[in-house]
Amino acid sequence: MITQEHLAGFLLMHAGFRAEFGRLAEACRGPRDGEHEELLEEQLALVLEMLHAHHTHEDATLWPTLVAHAPEAADVLAELESEHAVLDPLVAAAADRAVPLPERAPALRRLHELVNEHLDHEERTAVPLMLRHLTPDDIEADRRKATADFGRRRIPVIFGWLASSAGPALLTAAFADLPVVARLMFRLFWWPAYQRRFARLYGASVSLPAPLES
């Protein structure tokens, strides 16, 4: 049986989605210039791709695994899968580069609202099932799949985005599973670079929770 700490990586991704669509909705209302617009497009494309990968993994692998262990959960997991489909038109609208970013901002705002509602539902219903029925090997397989979805070159940016979105307890639990080298790279290089990216994206500063700063 696993514990909540085993799910820290999964929940860290949720925290990233919870925060970033709201940030993007606000920033996309009025890009400062062409360079800022292109950076917003890049960030938006990354987060939408990660949302698609996350949902695809749930629908193709995670939910079927849970149903195999708990057939009585099939209906509630099917409902979660149907919510993924409800989000698809908003995802398509947000990704449509033929439409100027300010005109996509309302779709991003609505996507932010619906994603948060969906994640609330998922954490109420699917997370307890995961805690009861997944094994540490299942979690490790999920971690390997997530890392493959990230792609090696994008890991620094994705780790920075996720770290900018989570509270101290979740972030501490998630980072405890990282190899020592990755934690060192994050502190010395990835996080300072992401702080600069965050300032360019959102015109604001961002810091790690105090326990993780040193």
C-alpha atoms as a PDB file:
ATOM      1  CA  MET A   1       0.000   0.000   0.000  1.00  0.00           C
ATOM      2  CA  ILE A   2       1.268   3.471  -0.829  1.00  0.00           C
ATOM      3  CA  THR A   3       0.987   6.747   1.063  1.00  0.00           C
ATOM      4  CA  GLN A   4       0.164  10.311   0.065  1.00  0.00           C
ATOM      5  CA  GLU A   5       3.887  11.001  -0.250  1.00  0.00           C
ATOM      6  CA  HIS A   6       4.131   8.418  -3.034  1.00  0.00           C
ATOM      7  CA  LEU A   7       1.674  10.535  -5.046  1.00  0.00           C
ATOM      8  CA  ALA A   8       3.638  13.758  -4.634  1.00  0.00           C
ATOM      9  CA  GLY A   9       4.777  13.813  -8.265  1.00  0.00           C
ATOM     10  CA  PHE A  10       1.237  13.239  -9.545  1.00  0.00           C
ATOM     11  CA  LEU A  11      -0.154  15.951  -7.270  1.00  0.00           C
ATOM     12  CA  LEU A  12       2.695  18.315  -8.145  1.00  0.00           C
ATOM     13  CA  MET A  13       1.590  18.132 -11.768  1.00  0.00           C
ATOM     14  CA  HIS A  14      -1.944  18.954 -10.645  1.00  0.00           C
ATOM     15  CA  ALA A  15      -0.609  21.987  -8.787  1.00  0.00           C
ATOM     16  CA  GLY A  16       1.130  23.132 -11.964  1.00  0.00           C
ATOM     17  CA  PHE A  17      -2.084  22.940 -13.974  1.00  0.00           C
ATOM     18  CA  ARG A  18      -4.079  24.631 -11.209  1.00  0.00           C
ATOM     19  CA  ALA A  19      -1.822  27.677 -11.249  1.00  0.00           C
ATOM     20  CA  GLU A  20      -0.577  28.116 -14.792  1.00  0.00           C
ATOM     21  CA  PHE A  21      -3.740  28.517 -16.851  1.00  0.00           C
ATOM     22  CA  GLY A  22      -4.836  31.367 -14.577  1.00  0.00           C
ATOM     23  CA  ARG A  23      -1.451  33.060 -14.907  1.00  0.00           C
ATOM     24  CA  LEU A  24      -1.516  32.661 -18.673  1.00  0.00           C
ATOM     25  CA  ALA A  25      -5.091  33.934 -18.961  1.00  0.00           C
ATOM     26  CA  GLU A  26      -4.080  37.164 -17.243  1.00  0.00           C
ATOM     27  CA  ALA A  27      -0.778  37.636 -19.097  1.00  0.00           C
ATOM     28  CA  CYS A  28      -2.275  36.859 -22.515  1.00  0.00           C
ATOM     29  CA  ARG A  29      -4.778  39.706 -22.208  1.00  0.00           C
ATOM     30  CA  GLY A  30      -2.039  42.139 -23.264  1.00  0.00           C
ATOM     31  CA  PRO A  31       1.423  40.921 -24.286  1.00  0.00           C
ATOM     32  CA  ARG A  32       4.023  43.670 -23.941  1.00  0.00           C
ATOM     33  CA  ASP A  33       5.675  43.110 -27.311  1.00  0.00           C
ATOM     34  CA  GLY A  34       6.436  40.437 -29.894  1.00  0.00           C
ATOM     35  CA  GLU A  35       9.133  38.776 -27.772  1.00  0.00           C
ATOM     36  CA  HIS A  36       6.788  38.515 -24.798  1.00  0.00           C
ATOM     37  CA  GLU A  37       4.039  37.166 -27.035  1.00  0.00           C
ATOM     38  CA  GLU A  38       6.306  34.430 -28.373  1.00  0.00           C
ATOM     39  CA  LEU A  39       7.383  33.426 -24.861  1.00  0.00           C
ATOM     40  CA  LEU A  40       3.738  33.209 -23.785  1.00  0.00           C
ATOM     41  CA  GLU A  41       2.956  31.041 -26.819  1.00  0.00           C
ATOM     42  CA  GLU A  42       5.860  28.758 -25.915  1.00  0.00           C
ATOM     43  CA  GLN A  43       4.736  28.437 -22.303  1.00  0.00           C
ATOM     44  CA  LEU A  44       1.133  27.856 -23.299  1.00  0.00           C
ATOM     45  CA  ALA A  45       2.083  25.150 -25.806  1.00  0.00           C
ATOM     46  CA  LEU A  46       4.207  23.393 -23.179  1.00  0.00           C
ATOM     47  CA  VAL A  47       1.494  23.374 -20.512  1.00  0.00           C
ATOM     48  CA  LEU A  48      -1.199  22.248 -22.965  1.00  0.00           C
ATOM     49  CA  GLU A  49       1.047  19.424 -24.166  1.00  0.00           C
ATOM     50  CA  MET A  50       1.655  18.313 -20.580  1.00  0.00           C
ATOM     51  CA  LEU A  51      -2.087  18.420 -19.842  1.00  0.00           C
ATOM     52  CA  HIS A  52      -2.756  16.231 -22.883  1.00  0.00           C
ATOM     53  CA  ALA A  53      -0.018  13.759 -21.865  1.00  0.00           C
ATOM     54  CA  HIS A  54      -1.324  13.638 -18.296  1.00  0.00           C
ATOM     55  CA  HIS A  55      -4.908  12.929 -19.377  1.00  0.00           C
ATOM     56  CA  THR A  56      -3.848  10.415 -22.022  1.00  0.00           C
ATOM     57  CA  HIS A  57      -1.871   8.464 -19.429  1.00  0.00           C
ATOM     58  CA  GLU A  58      -4.820   8.482 -17.033  1.00  0.00           C
ATOM     59  CA  ASP A  59      -7.287   7.282 -19.663  1.00  0.00           C
ATOM     60  CA  ALA A  60      -5.024   4.669 -21.268  1.00  0.00           C
ATOM     61  CA  THR A  61      -3.149   3.315 -18.260  1.00  0.00           C
ATOM     62  CA  LEU A  62      -4.018   4.622 -14.815  1.00  0.00           C
ATOM     63  CA  TRP A  63      -7.810   4.332 -14.858  1.00  0.00           C
ATOM     64  CA  PRO A  64      -7.777   0.830 -16.431  1.00  0.00           C
ATOM     65  CA  THR A  65      -5.288  -0.271 -13.753  1.00  0.00           C
ATOM     66  CA  LEU A  66      -7.612   0.990 -11.021  1.00  0.00           C
ATOM     67  CA  VAL A  67     -10.681  -0.625 -12.623  1.00  0.00           C
ATOM     68  CA  ALA A  68      -8.831  -3.954 -12.749  1.00  0.00           C
ATOM     69  CA  HIS A  69      -8.353  -3.733  -8.980  1.00  0.00           C
ATOM     70  CA  ALA A  70     -11.700  -2.108  -8.163  1.00  0.00           C
ATOM     71  CA  PRO A  71     -14.384  -2.866 -10.788  1.00  0.00           C
ATOM     72  CA  GLU A  72     -16.944  -1.002  -8.689  1.00  0.00           C
ATOM     73  CA  ALA A  73     -15.034   2.238  -9.491  1.00  0.00           C
ATOM     74  CA  ALA A  74     -15.560   1.927 -13.246  1.00  0.00           C
ATOM     75  CA  ASP A  75     -18.423   4.426 -13.397  1.00  0.00           C
ATOM     76  CA  VAL A  76     -16.706   7.187 -11.456  1.00  0.00           C
ATOM     77  CA  LEU A  77     -13.495   6.764 -13.463  1.00  0.00           C
ATOM     78  CA  ALA A  78     -15.485   6.852 -16.703  1.00  0.00           C
ATOM     79  CA  GLU A  79     -16.976  10.138 -15.498  1.00  0.00           C
ATOM     80  CA  LEU A  80     -13.495  11.558 -14.955  1.00  0.00           C
ATOM     81  CA  GLU A  81     -12.518  10.434 -18.454  1.00  0.00           C
ATOM     82  CA  SER A  82     -15.596  12.152 -19.896  1.00  0.00           C
ATOM     83  CA  GLU A  83     -14.505  15.390 -18.211  1.00  0.00           C
ATOM     84  CA  HIS A  84     -11.269  15.198 -20.177  1.00  0.00           C
ATOM     85  CA  ALA A  85     -13.344  15.291 -23.364  1.00  0.00           C
ATOM     86  CA  VAL A  86     -15.294  18.317 -22.084  1.00  0.00           C
ATOM     87  CA  LEU A  87     -12.012  20.209 -21.774  1.00  0.00           C
ATOM     88  CA  ASP A  88     -10.905  19.396 -25.334  1.00  0.00           C
ATOM     89  CA  PRO A  89     -12.700  22.289 -27.128  1.00  0.00           C
ATOM     90  CA  LEU A  90     -11.218  24.817 -24.709  1.00  0.00           C
ATOM     91  CA  VAL A  91      -7.777  23.267 -25.136  1.00  0.00           C
ATOM     92  CA  ALA A  92      -8.158  23.561 -28.922  1.00  0.00           C
ATOM     93  CA  ALA A  93      -9.287  27.179 -28.646  1.00  0.00           C
ATOM     94  CA  ALA A  94      -6.407  28.064 -26.337  1.00  0.00           C
ATOM     95  CA  ALA A  95      -3.885  26.437 -28.690  1.00  0.00           C
ATOM     96  CA  ASP A  96      -5.118  28.122 -31.905  1.00  0.00           C
ATOM     97  CA  ARG A  97      -2.278  30.420 -32.931  1.00  0.00           C
ATOM     98  CA  ALA A  98      -4.372  31.789 -35.781  1.00  0.00           C
ATOM     99  CA  VAL A  99      -6.254  33.721 -33.082  1.00  0.00           C
ATOM    100  CA  PRO A 100      -4.403  36.563 -31.295  1.00  0.00           C
ATOM    101  CA  LEU A 101      -3.509  35.845 -27.684  1.00  0.00           C
ATOM    102  CA  PRO A 102      -5.807  38.526 -26.205  1.00  0.00           C
ATOM    103  CA  GLU A 103      -8.762  36.894 -27.964  1.00  0.00           C
ATOM    104  CA  ARG A 104      -7.797  33.529 -26.465  1.00  0.00           C
ATOM    105  CA  ALA A 105      -7.586  34.891 -22.918  1.00  0.00           C
ATOM    106  CA  PRO A 106     -11.286  34.201 -22.139  1.00  0.00           C
ATOM    107  CA  ALA A 107     -10.882  30.571 -23.235  1.00  0.00           C
ATOM    108  CA  LEU A 108      -7.832  30.281 -20.985  1.00  0.00           C
ATOM    109  CA  ARG A 109      -9.765  31.759 -18.071  1.00  0.00           C
ATOM    110  CA  ARG A 110     -12.571  29.243 -18.579  1.00  0.00           C
ATOM    111  CA  LEU A 111     -10.030  26.443 -18.985  1.00  0.00           C
ATOM    112  CA  HIS A 112      -8.470  27.490 -15.678  1.00  0.00           C
ATOM    113  CA  GLU A 113     -11.862  27.249 -13.970  1.00  0.00           C
ATOM    114  CA  LEU A 114     -12.832  23.891 -15.454  1.00  0.00           C
ATOM    115  CA  VAL A 115      -9.407  22.309 -14.941  1.00  0.00           C
ATOM    116  CA  ASN A 116      -9.544  23.229 -11.267  1.00  0.00           C
ATOM    117  CA  GLU A 117     -13.053  21.792 -10.926  1.00  0.00           C
ATOM    118  CA  HIS A 118     -11.924  18.611 -12.679  1.00  0.00           C
ATOM    119  CA  LEU A 119      -8.844  18.248 -10.479  1.00  0.00           C
ATOM    120  CA  ASP A 120     -10.972  18.768  -7.365  1.00  0.00           C
ATOM    121  CA  HIS A 121     -13.187  15.897  -8.554  1.00  0.00           C
ATOM    122  CA  GLU A 122     -10.201  13.725  -9.419  1.00  0.00           C
ATOM    123  CA  GLU A 123      -8.534  14.257  -6.055  1.00  0.00           C
ATOM    124  CA  ARG A 124     -11.767  13.470  -4.201  1.00  0.00           C
ATOM    125  CA  THR A 125     -12.457  10.251  -6.078  1.00  0.00           C
ATOM    126  CA  ALA A 126      -9.424   8.858  -7.926  1.00  0.00           C
ATOM    127  CA  VAL A 127      -6.695   9.669  -5.409  1.00  0.00           C
ATOM    128  CA  PRO A 128      -8.266   7.521  -2.640  1.00  0.00           C
ATOM    129  CA  LEU A 129      -8.487   4.673  -5.143  1.00  0.00           C
ATOM    130  CA  MET A 130      -4.853   5.161  -6.074  1.00  0.00           C
ATOM    131  CA  LEU A 131      -3.833   5.053  -2.422  1.00  0.00           C
ATOM    132  CA  ARG A 132      -5.708   1.787  -1.897  1.00  0.00           C
ATOM    133  CA  HIS A 133      -4.777  -0.066  -5.058  1.00  0.00           C
ATOM    134  CA  LEU A 134      -1.496   1.148  -6.576  1.00  0.00           C
ATOM    135  CA  THR A 135       1.901  -0.229  -5.634  1.00  0.00           C
ATOM    136  CA  PRO A 136       5.301   1.468  -5.384  1.00  0.00           C
ATOM    137  CA  ASP A 137       6.173  -0.219  -8.695  1.00  0.00           C
ATOM    138  CA  ASP A 138       3.115   1.398 -10.310  1.00  0.00           C
ATOM    139  CA  ILE A 139       4.239   4.790  -9.035  1.00  0.00           C
ATOM    140  CA  GLU A 140       7.766   4.280 -10.329  1.00  0.00           C
ATOM    141  CA  ALA A 141       6.397   3.339 -13.756  1.00  0.00           C
ATOM    142  CA  ASP A 142       4.295   6.517 -13.724  1.00  0.00           C
ATOM    143  CA  ARG A 143       7.364   8.570 -12.825  1.00  0.00           C
ATOM    144  CA  ARG A 144       9.352   7.101 -15.710  1.00  0.00           C
ATOM    145  CA  LYS A 145       6.473   7.789 -18.095  1.00  0.00           C
ATOM    146  CA  ALA A 146       6.177  11.400 -16.927  1.00  0.00           C
ATOM    147  CA  THR A 147       9.900  11.975 -17.361  1.00  0.00           C
ATOM    148  CA  ALA A 148       9.724  10.562 -20.885  1.00  0.00           C
ATOM    149  CA  ASP A 149       6.838  12.929 -21.665  1.00  0.00           C
ATOM    150  CA  PHE A 150       8.880  15.872 -20.395  1.00  0.00           C
ATOM    151  CA  GLY A 151      11.824  15.219 -22.710  1.00  0.00           C
ATOM    152  CA  ARG A 152      15.340  15.761 -21.380  1.00  0.00           C
ATOM    153  CA  ARG A 153      15.791  19.242 -22.853  1.00  0.00           C
ATOM    154  CA  ARG A 154      12.574  20.535 -21.306  1.00  0.00           C
ATOM    155  CA  ILE A 155      13.069  19.121 -17.807  1.00  0.00           C
ATOM    156  CA  PRO A 156      14.614  22.342 -16.384  1.00  0.00           C
ATOM    157  CA  VAL A 157      11.678  24.493 -17.544  1.00  0.00           C
ATOM    158  CA  ILE A 158       9.046  21.975 -16.448  1.00  0.00           C
ATOM    159  CA  PHE A 159      10.620  21.526 -13.029  1.00  0.00           C
ATOM    160  CA  GLY A 160      10.738  25.293 -12.644  1.00  0.00           C
ATOM    161  CA  TRP A 161       7.095  25.686 -13.633  1.00  0.00           C
ATOM    162  CA  LEU A 162       5.980  22.983 -11.204  1.00  0.00           C
ATOM    163  CA  ALA A 163       8.118  24.379  -8.382  1.00  0.00           C
ATOM    164  CA  SER A 164       6.593  27.830  -8.938  1.00  0.00           C
ATOM    165  CA  SER A 165       3.106  26.368  -8.447  1.00  0.00           C
ATOM    166  CA  ALA A 166       3.243  24.187  -5.315  1.00  0.00           C
ATOM    167  CA  GLY A 167       3.221  24.666  -1.575  1.00  0.00           C
ATOM    168  CA  PRO A 168       6.149  23.686   0.638  1.00  0.00           C
ATOM    169  CA  ALA A 169       4.883  20.306   1.849  1.00  0.00           C
ATOM    170  CA  LEU A 170       4.052  19.004  -1.624  1.00  0.00           C
ATOM    171  CA  LEU A 171       7.230  20.381  -3.139  1.00  0.00           C
ATOM    172  CA  THR A 172       9.400  18.896  -0.397  1.00  0.00           C
ATOM    173  CA  ALA A 173       7.782  15.475  -0.817  1.00  0.00           C
ATOM    174  CA  ALA A 174       8.101  15.551  -4.612  1.00  0.00           C
ATOM    175  CA  PHE A 175      11.717  16.669  -4.625  1.00  0.00           C
ATOM    176  CA  ALA A 176      12.719  14.086  -2.021  1.00  0.00           C
ATOM    177  CA  ASP A 177      12.367  11.454  -4.752  1.00  0.00           C
ATOM    178  CA  LEU A 178      14.745  13.214  -7.134  1.00  0.00           C
ATOM    179  CA  PRO A 179      18.324  12.022  -7.562  1.00  0.00           C
ATOM    180  CA  VAL A 180      20.886  14.121  -5.689  1.00  0.00           C
ATOM    181  CA  VAL A 181      22.348  15.404  -8.962  1.00  0.00           C
ATOM    182  CA  ALA A 182      18.948  16.604 -10.156  1.00  0.00           C
ATOM    183  CA  ARG A 183      18.304  18.407  -6.864  1.00  0.00           C
ATOM    184  CA  LEU A 184      21.692  20.102  -7.126  1.00  0.00           C
ATOM    185  CA  MET A 185      21.118  21.104 -10.752  1.00  0.00           C
ATOM    186  CA  PHE A 186      17.723  22.486  -9.804  1.00  0.00           C
ATOM    187  CA  ARG A 187      19.072  24.685  -7.015  1.00  0.00           C
ATOM    188  CA  LEU A 188      22.148  25.936  -8.875  1.00  0.00           C
ATOM    189  CA  PHE A 189      20.867  26.331 -12.424  1.00  0.00           C
ATOM    190  CA  TRP A 190      17.285  25.332 -13.231  1.00  0.00           C
ATOM    191  CA  TRP A 191      15.501  27.376 -10.596  1.00  0.00           C
ATOM    192  CA  PRO A 192      17.469  30.644 -11.100  1.00  0.00           C
ATOM    193  CA  ALA A 193      16.846  30.326 -14.843  1.00  0.00           C
ATOM    194  CA  TYR A 194      13.145  29.745 -14.260  1.00  0.00           C
ATOM    195  CA  GLN A 195      12.923  32.749 -11.945  1.00  0.00           C
ATOM    196  CA  ARG A 196      14.156  34.884 -14.838  1.00  0.00           C
ATOM    197  CA  ARG A 197      11.694  33.207 -17.211  1.00  0.00           C
ATOM    198  CA  PHE A 198       8.831  33.752 -14.753  1.00  0.00           C
ATOM    199  CA  ALA A 199       9.678  37.458 -14.515  1.00  0.00           C
ATOM    200  CA  ARG A 200       9.653  37.763 -18.309  1.00  0.00           C
ATOM    201  CA  LEU A 201       6.381  35.842 -18.564  1.00  0.00           C
ATOM    202  CA  TYR A 202       4.421  37.424 -15.735  1.00  0.00           C
ATOM    203  CA  GLY A 203       6.221  40.592 -14.690  1.00  0.00           C
ATOM    204  CA  ALA A 204       6.600  39.322 -11.136  1.00  0.00           C
ATOM    205  CA  SER A 205       9.113  37.536  -8.945  1.00  0.00           C
ATOM    206  CA  VAL A 206       8.759  34.015  -7.587  1.00  0.00           C
ATOM    207  CA  SER A 207      10.575  32.291  -4.737  1.00  0.00           C
ATOM    208  CA  LEU A 208      10.820  28.776  -3.380  1.00  0.00           C
ATOM    209  CA  PRO A 209       9.253  28.009  -0.012  1.00  0.00           C
ATOM    210  CA  ALA A 210      11.770  28.726   2.761  1.00  0.00           C
ATOM    211  CA  PRO A 211      12.703  25.061   3.509  1.00  0.00           C
ATOM    212  CA  LEU A 212      13.793  24.582  -0.096  1.00  0.00           C
ATOM    213  CA  GLU A 213      15.707  27.819  -0.639  1.00  0.00           C
ATOM    214  CA  SER A 214      18.982  26.569   0.799  1.00  0.00           C
END
